Protein backbone atom coordinates (compact mmCIF):
# COMPACT_ATOMS: atom_id res chain seq x y z
CA UNK A 1 -16.39 9.53 -14.61
CA UNK A 2 -12.79 8.44 -14.33
CA UNK A 3 -11.52 6.25 -16.88
CA UNK A 4 -11.31 2.46 -16.24
CA UNK A 5 -8.23 0.70 -14.72
CA UNK A 6 -6.20 -1.28 -17.58
CA UNK A 7 -4.76 -4.28 -16.65
CA UNK A 8 -2.30 -6.48 -19.13
CA UNK A 9 -1.44 -10.28 -18.46
CA UNK A 10 0.33 -12.85 -20.00
CA UNK A 11 -0.45 -16.52 -18.57
CA UNK A 12 1.88 -18.65 -20.96
CA UNK A 13 5.06 -15.90 -20.94
CA UNK A 14 7.80 -18.75 -19.95
CA UNK A 15 8.50 -22.42 -20.82
CA UNK A 16 10.78 -22.43 -17.33
CA UNK A 17 10.49 -25.39 -15.08
CA UNK A 18 11.39 -24.81 -11.19
CA UNK A 19 14.05 -26.78 -9.88
CA UNK A 20 11.79 -28.42 -7.54
CA UNK A 21 9.91 -30.10 -10.39
CA UNK A 22 13.03 -30.61 -12.21
CA UNK A 23 14.22 -32.83 -9.19
CA UNK A 24 11.01 -34.36 -8.68
CA UNK A 25 10.65 -35.54 -12.39
CA UNK A 26 14.04 -37.30 -12.49
CA UNK A 27 14.45 -39.38 -15.47
CA UNK A 28 11.03 -38.38 -16.82
CA UNK A 29 11.61 -34.52 -17.35
CA UNK A 30 9.61 -33.02 -19.96
CA UNK A 31 11.16 -33.10 -23.19
CA UNK A 32 13.37 -29.91 -24.28
CA UNK A 33 11.72 -30.04 -27.59
CA UNK A 34 8.41 -30.11 -26.33
CA UNK A 35 9.37 -26.98 -23.71
CA UNK A 36 10.46 -25.24 -26.66
CA UNK A 37 7.19 -26.09 -28.67
CA UNK A 38 3.78 -24.22 -28.60
CA UNK A 39 2.97 -26.71 -25.96
CA UNK A 40 5.57 -25.40 -23.53
CA UNK A 41 4.74 -21.70 -23.81
CA UNK A 42 2.67 -19.04 -26.09
CA UNK A 43 5.96 -18.40 -28.32
CA UNK A 44 6.07 -14.70 -29.15
CA UNK A 45 3.07 -13.79 -26.68
CA UNK A 46 5.92 -12.22 -23.85
CA UNK A 47 7.48 -9.94 -26.59
CA UNK A 48 4.15 -8.75 -27.54
CA UNK A 49 3.14 -8.14 -23.83
CA UNK A 50 6.28 -6.16 -22.74
CA UNK A 51 5.76 -3.81 -25.78
CA UNK A 52 2.37 -3.22 -24.79
CA UNK A 53 3.19 -2.74 -21.17
CA UNK A 54 5.90 0.05 -22.79
CA UNK A 55 3.39 1.72 -24.94
CA UNK A 56 0.27 1.57 -22.95
CA UNK A 57 1.43 1.87 -19.34
CA UNK A 58 -1.50 -0.28 -17.89
CA UNK A 59 -2.35 0.30 -14.15
CA UNK A 60 -1.32 -3.21 -13.48
CA UNK A 61 0.60 -5.78 -15.39
CA UNK A 62 2.25 -9.52 -14.61
CA UNK A 63 3.52 -12.48 -16.59
CA UNK A 64 3.71 -16.01 -15.61
CA UNK A 65 7.41 -17.27 -14.85
CA UNK A 66 6.76 -20.97 -15.53
CA UNK A 67 5.51 -23.13 -18.15
CA UNK A 68 2.01 -24.53 -18.77
CA UNK A 69 3.50 -27.98 -18.53
CA UNK A 70 3.96 -27.56 -14.99
CA UNK A 71 0.94 -26.01 -14.18
CA UNK A 72 -1.59 -23.80 -16.18
CA UNK A 73 -1.94 -20.10 -14.73
CA UNK A 74 -4.79 -19.79 -17.52
CA UNK A 75 -6.86 -22.68 -15.89
CA UNK A 76 -8.95 -23.48 -13.09
CA UNK A 77 -7.45 -25.41 -10.39
CA UNK A 78 -10.42 -27.82 -11.14
CA UNK A 79 -9.54 -28.13 -14.98
CA UNK A 80 -8.12 -31.44 -16.51
CA UNK A 81 -5.54 -29.53 -17.93
CA UNK A 82 -4.48 -27.68 -14.92
CA UNK A 83 -1.42 -30.28 -14.68
CA UNK A 84 0.11 -31.52 -17.36
CA UNK A 85 0.90 -35.12 -18.57
CA UNK A 86 4.13 -34.56 -16.96
CA UNK A 87 3.37 -33.25 -13.73
CA UNK A 88 -0.13 -34.77 -12.88
CA UNK A 89 1.43 -38.13 -11.41
CA UNK A 90 3.76 -36.34 -9.21
CA UNK A 91 3.75 -36.57 -5.40
CA UNK A 92 1.02 -34.53 -3.92
CA UNK A 93 3.24 -32.36 -1.83
CA UNK A 94 5.31 -31.48 -4.96
CA UNK A 95 1.99 -30.77 -6.69
CA UNK A 96 1.10 -28.48 -3.68
CA UNK A 97 4.16 -26.51 -4.29
CA UNK A 98 2.96 -26.19 -7.74
CA UNK A 99 -0.56 -25.14 -6.49
CA UNK A 100 0.88 -22.34 -4.96
CA UNK A 101 2.81 -20.98 -7.82
CA UNK A 102 -0.84 -20.63 -9.59
CA UNK A 103 -2.60 -19.23 -6.40
CA UNK A 104 0.29 -16.41 -5.82
CA UNK A 105 -0.17 -15.47 -9.41
CA UNK A 106 -4.00 -15.58 -9.16
CA UNK A 107 -4.12 -13.65 -5.97
CA UNK A 108 -1.72 -10.65 -7.46
CA UNK A 109 -4.48 -10.06 -9.90
CA UNK A 110 -7.46 -10.64 -7.91
CA UNK A 111 -6.06 -8.48 -5.26
CA UNK A 112 -5.71 -5.68 -7.77
CA UNK A 113 -8.94 -5.93 -9.28
CA UNK A 114 -10.42 -6.33 -5.78
CA UNK A 115 -8.92 -2.71 -5.03
CA UNK A 116 -10.75 -1.07 -7.82
CA UNK A 117 -14.17 -3.21 -8.01
CA UNK A 118 -15.91 -2.55 -4.74
CA UNK A 119 -18.13 -5.42 -2.98
CA UNK A 120 -21.35 -3.46 -3.60
CA UNK A 121 -20.08 -3.03 -7.64
CA UNK A 122 -19.59 -6.93 -7.81
CA UNK A 123 -23.26 -7.34 -7.22
CA UNK A 124 -24.80 -5.12 -9.89
CA UNK A 125 -26.14 -7.03 -12.60
CA UNK A 126 -26.91 -4.34 -15.20
CA UNK A 127 -25.82 -0.81 -15.92
CA UNK A 128 -22.68 -1.22 -13.67
CA UNK A 129 -19.83 0.85 -13.95
CA UNK A 130 -16.67 -0.32 -16.12
CA UNK A 131 -14.16 -0.31 -13.81
CA UNK A 132 -11.38 -2.81 -14.97
CA UNK A 133 -10.42 -3.49 -18.62
CA UNK A 134 -8.12 -6.65 -18.73
CA UNK A 135 -6.32 -7.57 -21.63
CA UNK A 136 -4.84 -11.10 -21.76
CA UNK A 137 -1.79 -11.61 -24.07
CA UNK A 138 -1.75 -15.02 -25.97
CA UNK A 139 -0.59 -17.04 -29.05
CA UNK A 140 -1.46 -20.07 -31.07
CA UNK A 141 0.41 -22.35 -33.34
CA UNK A 142 -0.20 -21.77 -36.86
CA UNK A 143 -1.09 -25.60 -37.30
CA UNK A 144 -2.92 -27.93 -34.67
CA UNK A 145 -3.79 -31.58 -35.47
CA UNK A 146 -2.61 -30.91 -39.18
CA UNK A 147 -5.22 -28.06 -39.62
CA UNK A 148 -4.07 -24.91 -40.08
CA UNK A 149 -5.56 -21.96 -38.35
CA UNK A 150 -7.62 -19.52 -40.50
CA UNK A 151 -7.05 -16.31 -38.73
CA UNK A 152 -3.45 -14.03 -37.87
CA UNK A 153 -5.57 -12.60 -34.66
CA UNK A 154 -8.34 -14.00 -32.42
CA UNK A 155 -10.13 -11.75 -29.77
CA UNK A 156 -11.87 -13.82 -27.38
CA UNK A 157 -14.36 -12.55 -25.00
CA UNK A 158 -18.17 -13.30 -23.79
CA UNK A 159 -20.77 -12.48 -26.48
CA UNK A 160 -23.42 -12.36 -23.78
CA UNK A 161 -21.65 -9.20 -22.32
CA UNK A 162 -22.11 -6.25 -24.35
CA UNK A 163 -19.08 -4.04 -22.94
CA UNK A 164 -16.75 -6.83 -23.72
CA UNK A 165 -18.46 -6.98 -27.33
CA UNK A 166 -17.92 -3.31 -27.67
CA UNK A 167 -14.42 -3.74 -26.70
CA UNK A 168 -13.74 -6.29 -29.01
CA UNK A 169 -15.12 -4.13 -31.88
CA UNK A 170 -12.76 -1.10 -30.82
CA UNK A 171 -9.77 -3.23 -30.82
CA UNK A 172 -10.21 -5.00 -33.93
CA UNK A 173 -10.89 -1.39 -35.56
CA UNK A 174 -7.72 -0.25 -33.87
CA UNK A 175 -5.81 -2.96 -35.23
CA UNK A 176 -6.93 -2.89 -38.57
CA UNK A 177 -6.17 1.01 -38.94
CA UNK A 178 -2.28 -0.11 -38.30
CA UNK A 179 -2.61 -3.56 -40.06
CA UNK A 180 -5.32 -3.60 -42.59
CA UNK A 181 -4.21 -6.72 -44.00
CA UNK A 182 -4.30 -8.94 -40.79
CA UNK A 183 -7.26 -11.73 -41.05
CA UNK A 184 -8.72 -10.85 -37.60
CA UNK A 185 -11.53 -13.53 -35.71
CA UNK A 186 -13.74 -12.90 -32.88
CA UNK A 187 -13.67 -16.00 -30.56
CA UNK A 188 -11.22 -17.78 -32.61
CA UNK A 189 -9.34 -20.36 -32.31
CA UNK A 190 -10.85 -20.64 -28.68
CA UNK A 191 -13.94 -19.31 -27.42
CA UNK A 192 -13.64 -16.29 -24.80
CA UNK A 193 -16.29 -17.96 -22.27
CA UNK A 194 -14.24 -21.10 -21.87
CA UNK A 195 -12.80 -21.92 -18.85
CA UNK A 196 -9.56 -19.29 -17.92
CA UNK A 197 -8.69 -16.32 -16.18
CA UNK A 198 -11.03 -14.10 -17.45
CA UNK A 199 -13.79 -16.17 -17.26
CA UNK A 200 -13.10 -16.45 -13.39
CA UNK A 201 -12.90 -13.08 -13.05
CA UNK A 202 -15.94 -12.36 -14.56
CA UNK A 203 -17.70 -14.60 -12.19
CA UNK A 204 -16.17 -12.69 -9.24
CA UNK A 205 -16.56 -9.26 -10.06
CA UNK A 206 -19.42 -8.89 -12.50
CA UNK A 207 -19.90 -6.29 -15.36
CA UNK A 208 -17.72 -3.79 -13.77
CA UNK A 209 -14.70 -6.11 -15.15
CA UNK A 210 -14.35 -6.85 -18.63
CA UNK A 211 -11.57 -9.36 -19.62
CA UNK A 212 -10.60 -10.03 -23.59
CA UNK A 213 -7.86 -12.33 -24.42
CA UNK A 214 -5.94 -11.31 -27.65
CA UNK A 215 -4.79 -14.45 -29.54
CA UNK A 216 -1.77 -13.97 -31.92
CA UNK A 217 -0.84 -16.39 -34.82
CA UNK A 218 2.64 -17.74 -33.86
CA UNK A 219 3.80 -17.26 -37.54
CA UNK A 220 3.71 -13.71 -36.89
CA UNK A 221 6.11 -13.78 -33.97
CA UNK A 222 9.40 -14.52 -33.20
CA UNK A 223 10.61 -16.23 -30.17
């Protein structure tokens, strides 16, 4: 049986703001110190993403070009945090252009998966062949709301999906073989079944798709 295709993405790779958003914000632009913080992007995640792409040579990879404070590529369009507090009140025409940025990013990913998982395979509920493994690369701030995060790495997945649970265990074993000192936790600091790109793809493509997010503590990373 052919090995599953590997896809690697990085939804919060950049803290850039498009020129048309800067013009629309005018004097109420997003402060530079906010853009440079964990709120603006996943600090260090793009470097990890780039290294993995070079080493693993995935069948498909992509990363976002803009800050999540413009529009969040890892959220569904109905999410309350889809637009940030800085962009939520911008004119509808400007928000439509931001939505297009999100849509184009999502379409690139979904088009790849669609080319691997057939319409018939998407309808199989049990014993579906694994066709795509997706690793989403993220990072998290060491301290949030004055509480220190108690992990070096988090592996996020849906516990109700046995294939994802199996891959998560294998990932943890692989990481510990190389760095046994790291504290790795499952579904921390977020739940893997929460609103996000992997959740959307699970719903669209069924069990032939397996999506996991790797969350790395920013104290281990450099910008």
